[in-house]
Amino acid sequence: MPKNILLVEDESSIADNVAYALKSEGYIVTWVNLGEEGLECFQHGSYDLIILDVGLPDLSGFEVCKGIRKNSDVPIIFLTARGDEIDRVVGLEIGGDDYVVKPFSPRELVARVKVILRRRRDDQPFSAKQGASFSVDEEKRQISYFNSILELTTYEYGILQMLLKQPERVYSRDQLMNAVWASPEESFERAVDTHIKTIRAKLKAINPGNDPLVTHRGIGYSLKLGPFHES
């Protein structure tokens, strides 16, 4: 079944090229040029992925992303003219799955879309893996914490899933990037730190008294399974 892509981009020349490239690969594309229109389309439609420009004329792409993340973990790729690392970090912190800096090749963007959607589809299922306060079901692509399903982005899910496979094992940033990112050389180590920060916040929102993520300074991260206390 063709995947539905929502494209929110105010520059028609960019939108035309991106839409053409996506449609050529069999995707169904809905294009709007304002943030408010993007939110309205999202609320009334069903999309498999959203491509979101940061510099929209009404709402910023970051604001649109925050609105979407209130009730959905649909993959979001940011388009940005800003190359500063801080802008990329902000985008990841608020729930973005990837980013492409303008000017870019539409083929590159389509490749990133394919990678993200393939990761969602191709995770090998296993019967819900139970680990103390966590429950992982890869077939449904869900991780629950104290019986509450976590709303995770693509990379957040991949990192937490990786840590849960071998609790207590310390993974370096490079190991996590190589396991989770399709093209780790195109990302940066701080991206892992950013995603760990957002995962930790989501876990604490469910159970403030526990922090299962362990930071090993200068090395990487691990996950402990307990003992925990219900909040």
C-alpha atoms as a PDB file:
ATOM      1  CA  MET A   1       0.000   0.000   0.000  1.00  0.00           C
ATOM      2  CA  PRO A   2       1.427   3.438  -0.932  1.00  0.00           C
ATOM      3  CA  LYS A   3       2.694   5.522   1.964  1.00  0.00           C
ATOM      4  CA  ASN A   4       1.195   8.945   2.637  1.00  0.00           C
ATOM      5  CA  ILE A   5       3.624  11.822   3.101  1.00  0.00           C
ATOM      6  CA  LEU A   6       2.676  15.280   4.400  1.00  0.00           C
ATOM      7  CA  LEU A   7       5.002  17.977   3.067  1.00  0.00           C
ATOM      8  CA  VAL A   8       4.933  21.341   4.850  1.00  0.00           C
ATOM      9  CA  GLU A   9       7.125  23.750   2.864  1.00  0.00           C
ATOM     10  CA  ASP A  10       6.484  27.375   1.876  1.00  0.00           C
ATOM     11  CA  GLU A  11       8.945  27.550  -1.044  1.00  0.00           C
ATOM     12  CA  SER A  12       7.038  26.230  -4.056  1.00  0.00           C
ATOM     13  CA  SER A  13      10.173  25.446  -6.082  1.00  0.00           C
ATOM     14  CA  ILE A  14      11.504  23.184  -3.317  1.00  0.00           C
ATOM     15  CA  ALA A  15       8.092  21.644  -2.685  1.00  0.00           C
ATOM     16  CA  ASP A  16       7.594  20.869  -6.395  1.00  0.00           C
ATOM     17  CA  ASN A  17      10.952  19.086  -6.646  1.00  0.00           C
ATOM     18  CA  VAL A  18      10.447  17.140  -3.415  1.00  0.00           C
ATOM     19  CA  ALA A  19       6.875  16.148  -4.311  1.00  0.00           C
ATOM     20  CA  TYR A  20       7.961  15.018  -7.771  1.00  0.00           C
ATOM     21  CA  ALA A  21      10.800  12.907  -6.365  1.00  0.00           C
ATOM     22  CA  LEU A  22       8.505  11.287  -3.793  1.00  0.00           C
ATOM     23  CA  LYS A  23       5.717  10.618  -6.263  1.00  0.00           C
ATOM     24  CA  SER A  24       8.231   9.062  -8.656  1.00  0.00           C
ATOM     25  CA  GLU A  25       8.938   6.497  -5.929  1.00  0.00           C
ATOM     26  CA  GLY A  26       5.258   5.720  -5.462  1.00  0.00           C
ATOM     27  CA  TYR A  27       4.493   7.891  -2.432  1.00  0.00           C
ATOM     28  CA  ILE A  28       1.275   9.866  -2.065  1.00  0.00           C
ATOM     29  CA  VAL A  29       2.123  13.476  -1.246  1.00  0.00           C
ATOM     30  CA  THR A  30      -0.021  16.185   0.346  1.00  0.00           C
ATOM     31  CA  TRP A  31       1.617  19.619   0.172  1.00  0.00           C
ATOM     32  CA  VAL A  32       0.735  22.685   2.242  1.00  0.00           C
ATOM     33  CA  ASN A  33       2.776  25.850   2.691  1.00  0.00           C
ATOM     34  CA  LEU A  34       1.804  27.002   6.193  1.00  0.00           C
ATOM     35  CA  GLY A  35       2.309  25.505   9.638  1.00  0.00           C
ATOM     36  CA  GLU A  36      -1.328  25.925  10.623  1.00  0.00           C
ATOM     37  CA  GLU A  37      -2.399  24.113   7.451  1.00  0.00           C
ATOM     38  CA  GLY A  38       0.041  21.345   8.271  1.00  0.00           C
ATOM     39  CA  LEU A  39      -1.447  20.881  11.726  1.00  0.00           C
ATOM     40  CA  GLU A  40      -4.975  20.886  10.306  1.00  0.00           C
ATOM     41  CA  CYS A  41      -4.056  18.267   7.687  1.00  0.00           C
ATOM     42  CA  PHE A  42      -2.423  16.140  10.346  1.00  0.00           C
ATOM     43  CA  GLN A  43      -5.481  16.321  12.594  1.00  0.00           C
ATOM     44  CA  HIS A  44      -7.860  15.267   9.828  1.00  0.00           C
ATOM     45  CA  GLY A  45      -5.701  12.866   7.849  1.00  0.00           C
ATOM     46  CA  SER A  46      -3.492   9.815   8.241  1.00  0.00           C
ATOM     47  CA  TYR A  47       0.184  10.112   7.336  1.00  0.00           C
ATOM     48  CA  ASP A  48       3.123   7.737   7.496  1.00  0.00           C
ATOM     49  CA  LEU A  49       5.751  10.498   7.590  1.00  0.00           C
ATOM     50  CA  ILE A  50       5.932  14.307   7.708  1.00  0.00           C
ATOM     51  CA  ILE A  51       8.525  16.477   5.987  1.00  0.00           C
ATOM     52  CA  LEU A  52       8.552  19.791   7.815  1.00  0.00           C
ATOM     53  CA  ASP A  53      10.319  23.032   6.937  1.00  0.00           C
ATOM     54  CA  VAL A  54      11.660  24.883   9.974  1.00  0.00           C
ATOM     55  CA  GLY A  55      11.344  28.392   8.525  1.00  0.00           C
ATOM     56  CA  LEU A  56       7.626  28.658   7.794  1.00  0.00           C
ATOM     57  CA  PRO A  57       6.002  32.109   7.503  1.00  0.00           C
ATOM     58  CA  ASP A  58       3.397  31.601  10.242  1.00  0.00           C
ATOM     59  CA  LEU A  59       4.447  28.974  12.787  1.00  0.00           C
ATOM     60  CA  SER A  60       7.983  27.654  12.967  1.00  0.00           C
ATOM     61  CA  GLY A  61       8.512  24.026  12.086  1.00  0.00           C
ATOM     62  CA  PHE A  62       9.542  23.461  15.695  1.00  0.00           C
ATOM     63  CA  GLU A  63       6.139  24.714  16.885  1.00  0.00           C
ATOM     64  CA  VAL A  64       4.363  22.463  14.400  1.00  0.00           C
ATOM     65  CA  CYS A  65       6.427  19.497  15.565  1.00  0.00           C
ATOM     66  CA  LYS A  66       5.536  20.167  19.203  1.00  0.00           C
ATOM     67  CA  GLY A  67       1.847  20.218  18.272  1.00  0.00           C
ATOM     68  CA  ILE A  68       2.134  16.902  16.450  1.00  0.00           C
ATOM     69  CA  ARG A  69       4.134  15.251  19.222  1.00  0.00           C
ATOM     70  CA  LYS A  70       1.356  15.871  21.738  1.00  0.00           C
ATOM     71  CA  ASN A  71      -0.435  12.795  20.434  1.00  0.00           C
ATOM     72  CA  SER A  72       1.621  11.121  17.717  1.00  0.00           C
ATOM     73  CA  ASP A  73       5.038   9.584  17.105  1.00  0.00           C
ATOM     74  CA  VAL A  74       4.742   9.818  13.299  1.00  0.00           C
ATOM     75  CA  PRO A  75       8.266  10.214  11.827  1.00  0.00           C
ATOM     76  CA  ILE A  76       9.255  13.831  11.141  1.00  0.00           C
ATOM     77  CA  ILE A  77      12.094  15.007   8.907  1.00  0.00           C
ATOM     78  CA  PHE A  78      13.048  18.665   9.258  1.00  0.00           C
ATOM     79  CA  LEU A  79      14.103  20.789   6.300  1.00  0.00           C
ATOM     80  CA  THR A  80      16.255  23.679   7.423  1.00  0.00           C
ATOM     81  CA  ALA A  81      18.429  26.385   5.924  1.00  0.00           C
ATOM     82  CA  ARG A  82      20.273  26.564   9.219  1.00  0.00           C
ATOM     83  CA  GLY A  83      23.433  24.520   9.449  1.00  0.00           C
ATOM     84  CA  ASP A  84      24.228  25.287  13.080  1.00  0.00           C
ATOM     85  CA  GLU A  85      24.444  22.237  15.324  1.00  0.00           C
ATOM     86  CA  ILE A  86      22.257  23.886  17.978  1.00  0.00           C
ATOM     87  CA  ASP A  87      19.321  24.049  15.560  1.00  0.00           C
ATOM     88  CA  ARG A  88      19.710  20.381  14.734  1.00  0.00           C
ATOM     89  CA  VAL A  89      19.913  19.517  18.431  1.00  0.00           C
ATOM     90  CA  VAL A  90      16.728  21.484  19.159  1.00  0.00           C
ATOM     91  CA  GLY A  91      14.939  19.657  16.368  1.00  0.00           C
ATOM     92  CA  LEU A  92      15.954  16.287  17.771  1.00  0.00           C
ATOM     93  CA  GLU A  93      15.122  17.267  21.346  1.00  0.00           C
ATOM     94  CA  ILE A  94      11.540  18.162  20.493  1.00  0.00           C
ATOM     95  CA  GLY A  95      10.917  14.937  18.631  1.00  0.00           C
ATOM     96  CA  GLY A  96      12.351  15.156  15.112  1.00  0.00           C
ATOM     97  CA  ASP A  97      13.645  11.935  13.580  1.00  0.00           C
ATOM     98  CA  ASP A  98      16.025  13.423  11.027  1.00  0.00           C
ATOM     99  CA  TYR A  99      16.967  16.679   9.327  1.00  0.00           C
ATOM    100  CA  VAL A 100      18.166  17.784   5.892  1.00  0.00           C
ATOM    101  CA  VAL A 101      20.012  21.076   5.425  1.00  0.00           C
ATOM    102  CA  LYS A 102      19.195  23.216   2.399  1.00  0.00           C
ATOM    103  CA  PRO A 103      20.259  23.142  -0.357  1.00  0.00           C
ATOM    104  CA  PHE A 104      19.807  19.403  -0.705  1.00  0.00           C
ATOM    105  CA  SER A 105      19.218  16.778  -3.334  1.00  0.00           C
ATOM    106  CA  PRO A 106      15.609  15.538  -3.511  1.00  0.00           C
ATOM    107  CA  ARG A 107      17.082  12.069  -4.052  1.00  0.00           C
ATOM    108  CA  GLU A 108      18.913  12.332  -0.726  1.00  0.00           C
ATOM    109  CA  LEU A 109      15.681  13.287   0.998  1.00  0.00           C
ATOM    110  CA  VAL A 110      13.806  10.395  -0.605  1.00  0.00           C
ATOM    111  CA  ALA A 111      16.592   8.034   0.530  1.00  0.00           C
ATOM    112  CA  ARG A 112      16.177   9.247   4.108  1.00  0.00           C
ATOM    113  CA  VAL A 113      12.399   8.803   3.870  1.00  0.00           C
ATOM    114  CA  LYS A 114      12.902   5.217   2.697  1.00  0.00           C
ATOM    115  CA  VAL A 115      15.313   4.451   5.528  1.00  0.00           C
ATOM    116  CA  ILE A 116      12.978   5.736   8.240  1.00  0.00           C
ATOM    117  CA  LEU A 117       9.917   3.963   6.842  1.00  0.00           C
ATOM    118  CA  ARG A 118      11.890   0.750   6.293  1.00  0.00           C
ATOM    119  CA  ARG A 119      13.087   0.787   9.899  1.00  0.00           C
ATOM    120  CA  ARG A 120       9.483   1.018  11.056  1.00  0.00           C
ATOM    121  CA  ARG A 121       8.472  -1.889   8.843  1.00  0.00           C
ATOM    122  CA  ASP A 122      11.424  -4.246   9.037  1.00  0.00           C
ATOM    123  CA  ASP A 123      12.104  -4.634  12.762  1.00  0.00           C
ATOM    124  CA  GLN A 124      12.208  -8.372  13.400  1.00  0.00           C
ATOM    125  CA  PRO A 125       9.366  -9.285  15.773  1.00  0.00           C
ATOM    126  CA  PHE A 126       9.813 -11.222  18.964  1.00  0.00           C
ATOM    127  CA  SER A 127       7.340 -12.073  21.646  1.00  0.00           C
ATOM    128  CA  ALA A 128       6.963  -9.171  24.043  1.00  0.00           C
ATOM    129  CA  LYS A 129      10.247  -9.073  25.932  1.00  0.00           C
ATOM    130  CA  GLN A 130       9.704  -8.473  29.578  1.00  0.00           C
ATOM    131  CA  GLY A 131      12.315  -6.774  31.693  1.00  0.00           C
ATOM    132  CA  ALA A 132      11.192  -5.654  35.131  1.00  0.00           C
ATOM    133  CA  SER A 133       9.434  -2.340  34.506  1.00  0.00           C
ATOM    134  CA  PHE A 134       9.841  -2.524  30.702  1.00  0.00           C
ATOM    135  CA  SER A 135       7.933  -4.443  28.067  1.00  0.00           C
ATOM    136  CA  VAL A 136       9.095  -4.430  24.440  1.00  0.00           C
ATOM    137  CA  ASP A 137       6.992  -5.594  21.509  1.00  0.00           C
ATOM    138  CA  GLU A 138       8.913  -5.132  18.253  1.00  0.00           C
ATOM    139  CA  GLU A 139       6.043  -6.422  16.124  1.00  0.00           C
ATOM    140  CA  LYS A 140       3.941  -3.477  17.271  1.00  0.00           C
ATOM    141  CA  ARG A 141       7.070  -1.333  17.634  1.00  0.00           C
ATOM    142  CA  GLN A 142       6.121  -0.405  21.169  1.00  0.00           C
ATOM    143  CA  ILE A 143       7.996  -0.089  24.424  1.00  0.00           C
ATOM    144  CA  SER A 144       5.988   0.150  27.620  1.00  0.00           C
ATOM    145  CA  TYR A 145       7.268   1.442  30.934  1.00  0.00           C
ATOM    146  CA  PHE A 146       5.314   0.577  34.078  1.00  0.00           C
ATOM    147  CA  ASN A 147       2.460  -0.493  31.773  1.00  0.00           C
ATOM    148  CA  SER A 148       2.378   2.867  29.969  1.00  0.00           C
ATOM    149  CA  ILE A 149       3.220   2.885  26.252  1.00  0.00           C
ATOM    150  CA  LEU A 150       6.018   5.346  25.498  1.00  0.00           C
ATOM    151  CA  GLU A 151       5.576   7.771  22.605  1.00  0.00           C
ATOM    152  CA  LEU A 152       9.004   7.465  20.993  1.00  0.00           C
ATOM    153  CA  THR A 153      10.532   8.836  17.819  1.00  0.00           C
ATOM    154  CA  THR A 154      12.309   6.484  15.426  1.00  0.00           C
ATOM    155  CA  TYR A 155      15.755   7.045  16.935  1.00  0.00           C
ATOM    156  CA  GLU A 156      14.503   7.092  20.539  1.00  0.00           C
ATOM    157  CA  TYR A 157      12.883   3.726  19.968  1.00  0.00           C
ATOM    158  CA  GLY A 158      16.023   2.319  18.368  1.00  0.00           C
ATOM    159  CA  ILE A 159      18.307   3.479  21.172  1.00  0.00           C
ATOM    160  CA  LEU A 160      16.074   2.258  23.994  1.00  0.00           C
ATOM    161  CA  GLN A 161      15.438  -1.036  22.236  1.00  0.00           C
ATOM    162  CA  MET A 162      19.193  -1.527  21.833  1.00  0.00           C
ATOM    163  CA  LEU A 163      19.884  -0.790  25.502  1.00  0.00           C
ATOM    164  CA  LEU A 164      17.139  -3.196  26.565  1.00  0.00           C
ATOM    165  CA  LYS A 165      18.626  -6.065  24.562  1.00  0.00           C
ATOM    166  CA  GLN A 166      21.544  -6.311  26.970  1.00  0.00           C
ATOM    167  CA  PRO A 167      20.757  -4.518  30.248  1.00  0.00           C
ATOM    168  CA  GLU A 168      23.776  -3.368  32.238  1.00  0.00           C
ATOM    169  CA  ARG A 169      26.006  -3.498  29.137  1.00  0.00           C
ATOM    170  CA  VAL A 170      27.687  -0.178  28.392  1.00  0.00           C
ATOM    171  CA  TYR A 171      27.241   0.960  24.787  1.00  0.00           C
ATOM    172  CA  SER A 172      29.449   3.677  23.371  1.00  0.00           C
ATOM    173  CA  ARG A 173      27.909   6.483  21.325  1.00  0.00           C
ATOM    174  CA  ASP A 174      29.487   5.018  18.201  1.00  0.00           C
ATOM    175  CA  GLN A 175      27.953   1.605  18.888  1.00  0.00           C
ATOM    176  CA  LEU A 176      24.499   3.116  19.331  1.00  0.00           C
ATOM    177  CA  MET A 177      24.850   5.235  16.198  1.00  0.00           C
ATOM    178  CA  ASN A 178      26.038   2.269  14.121  1.00  0.00           C
ATOM    179  CA  ALA A 179      23.127   0.154  15.353  1.00  0.00           C
ATOM    180  CA  VAL A 180      20.356   2.737  15.043  1.00  0.00           C
ATOM    181  CA  TRP A 181      21.327   5.226  12.326  1.00  0.00           C
ATOM    182  CA  ALA A 182      21.214   4.128   8.678  1.00  0.00           C
ATOM    183  CA  SER A 183      24.137   6.453   7.872  1.00  0.00           C
ATOM    184  CA  PRO A 184      25.917   7.125  11.185  1.00  0.00           C
ATOM    185  CA  GLU A 185      28.677   9.078   9.454  1.00  0.00           C
ATOM    186  CA  GLU A 186      26.094  11.718   8.502  1.00  0.00           C
ATOM    187  CA  SER A 187      25.079  12.340  12.109  1.00  0.00           C
ATOM    188  CA  PHE A 188      27.054  13.585  15.101  1.00  0.00           C
ATOM    189  CA  GLU A 189      27.781  12.089  18.515  1.00  0.00           C
ATOM    190  CA  ARG A 190      25.819  14.730  20.368  1.00  0.00           C
ATOM    191  CA  ALA A 191      22.678  13.420  18.665  1.00  0.00           C
ATOM    192  CA  VAL A 192      22.888  10.332  20.876  1.00  0.00           C
ATOM    193  CA  ASP A 193      23.143  12.512  23.988  1.00  0.00           C
ATOM    194  CA  THR A 194      20.135  14.510  22.809  1.00  0.00           C
ATOM    195  CA  HIS A 195      17.988  11.422  22.292  1.00  0.00           C
ATOM    196  CA  ILE A 196      19.051   9.954  25.644  1.00  0.00           C
ATOM    197  CA  LYS A 197      17.940  13.214  27.263  1.00  0.00           C
ATOM    198  CA  THR A 198      14.480  13.047  25.674  1.00  0.00           C
ATOM    199  CA  ILE A 199      14.083   9.332  26.491  1.00  0.00           C
ATOM    200  CA  ARG A 200      15.012  10.032  30.110  1.00  0.00           C
ATOM    201  CA  ALA A 201      12.420  12.824  30.280  1.00  0.00           C
ATOM    202  CA  LYS A 202       9.695  10.527  28.930  1.00  0.00           C
ATOM    203  CA  LEU A 203      10.568   7.817  31.451  1.00  0.00           C
ATOM    204  CA  LYS A 204      10.567  10.293  34.322  1.00  0.00           C
ATOM    205  CA  ALA A 205       7.178  11.625  33.219  1.00  0.00           C
ATOM    206  CA  ILE A 206       5.794   8.153  33.934  1.00  0.00           C
ATOM    207  CA  ASN A 207       7.815   7.375  37.046  1.00  0.00           C
ATOM    208  CA  PRO A 208       9.677  10.426  38.419  1.00  0.00           C
ATOM    209  CA  GLY A 209      11.385   8.470  41.189  1.00  0.00           C
ATOM    210  CA  ASN A 210      13.415   6.215  38.900  1.00  0.00           C
ATOM    211  CA  ASP A 211      16.112   6.775  36.287  1.00  0.00           C
ATOM    212  CA  PRO A 212      17.049   3.489  34.566  1.00  0.00           C
ATOM    213  CA  LEU A 213      19.390   5.178  32.076  1.00  0.00           C
ATOM    214  CA  VAL A 214      22.977   5.268  33.304  1.00  0.00           C
ATOM    215  CA  THR A 215      25.497   7.741  31.878  1.00  0.00           C
ATOM    216  CA  HIS A 216      29.104   6.544  31.844  1.00  0.00           C
ATOM    217  CA  ARG A 217      31.058   9.747  31.352  1.00  0.00           C
ATOM    218  CA  GLY A 218      33.453   9.619  28.451  1.00  0.00           C
ATOM    219  CA  ILE A 219      32.246   6.134  27.496  1.00  0.00           C
ATOM    220  CA  GLY A 220      28.530   5.875  26.732  1.00  0.00           C
ATOM    221  CA  TYR A 221      25.279   4.596  28.218  1.00  0.00           C
ATOM    222  CA  SER A 222      23.692   1.537  29.787  1.00  0.00           C
ATOM    223  CA  LEU A 223      20.306   0.603  31.182  1.00  0.00           C
ATOM    224  CA  LYS A 224      19.520  -0.961  34.534  1.00  0.00           C
ATOM    225  CA  LEU A 225      16.320  -2.913  35.031  1.00  0.00           C
ATOM    226  CA  GLY A 226      15.796  -2.545  38.741  1.00  0.00           C
ATOM    227  CA  PRO A 227      14.913  -2.776  41.457  1.00  0.00           C
ATOM    228  CA  PHE A 228      12.337  -0.055  40.875  1.00  0.00           C
ATOM    229  CA  HIS A 229       9.431   1.298  42.824  1.00  0.00           C
ATOM    230  CA  GLU A 230       5.995   2.026  41.447  1.00  0.00           C
ATOM    231  CA  SER A 231       5.188   5.728  41.550  1.00  0.00           C
END
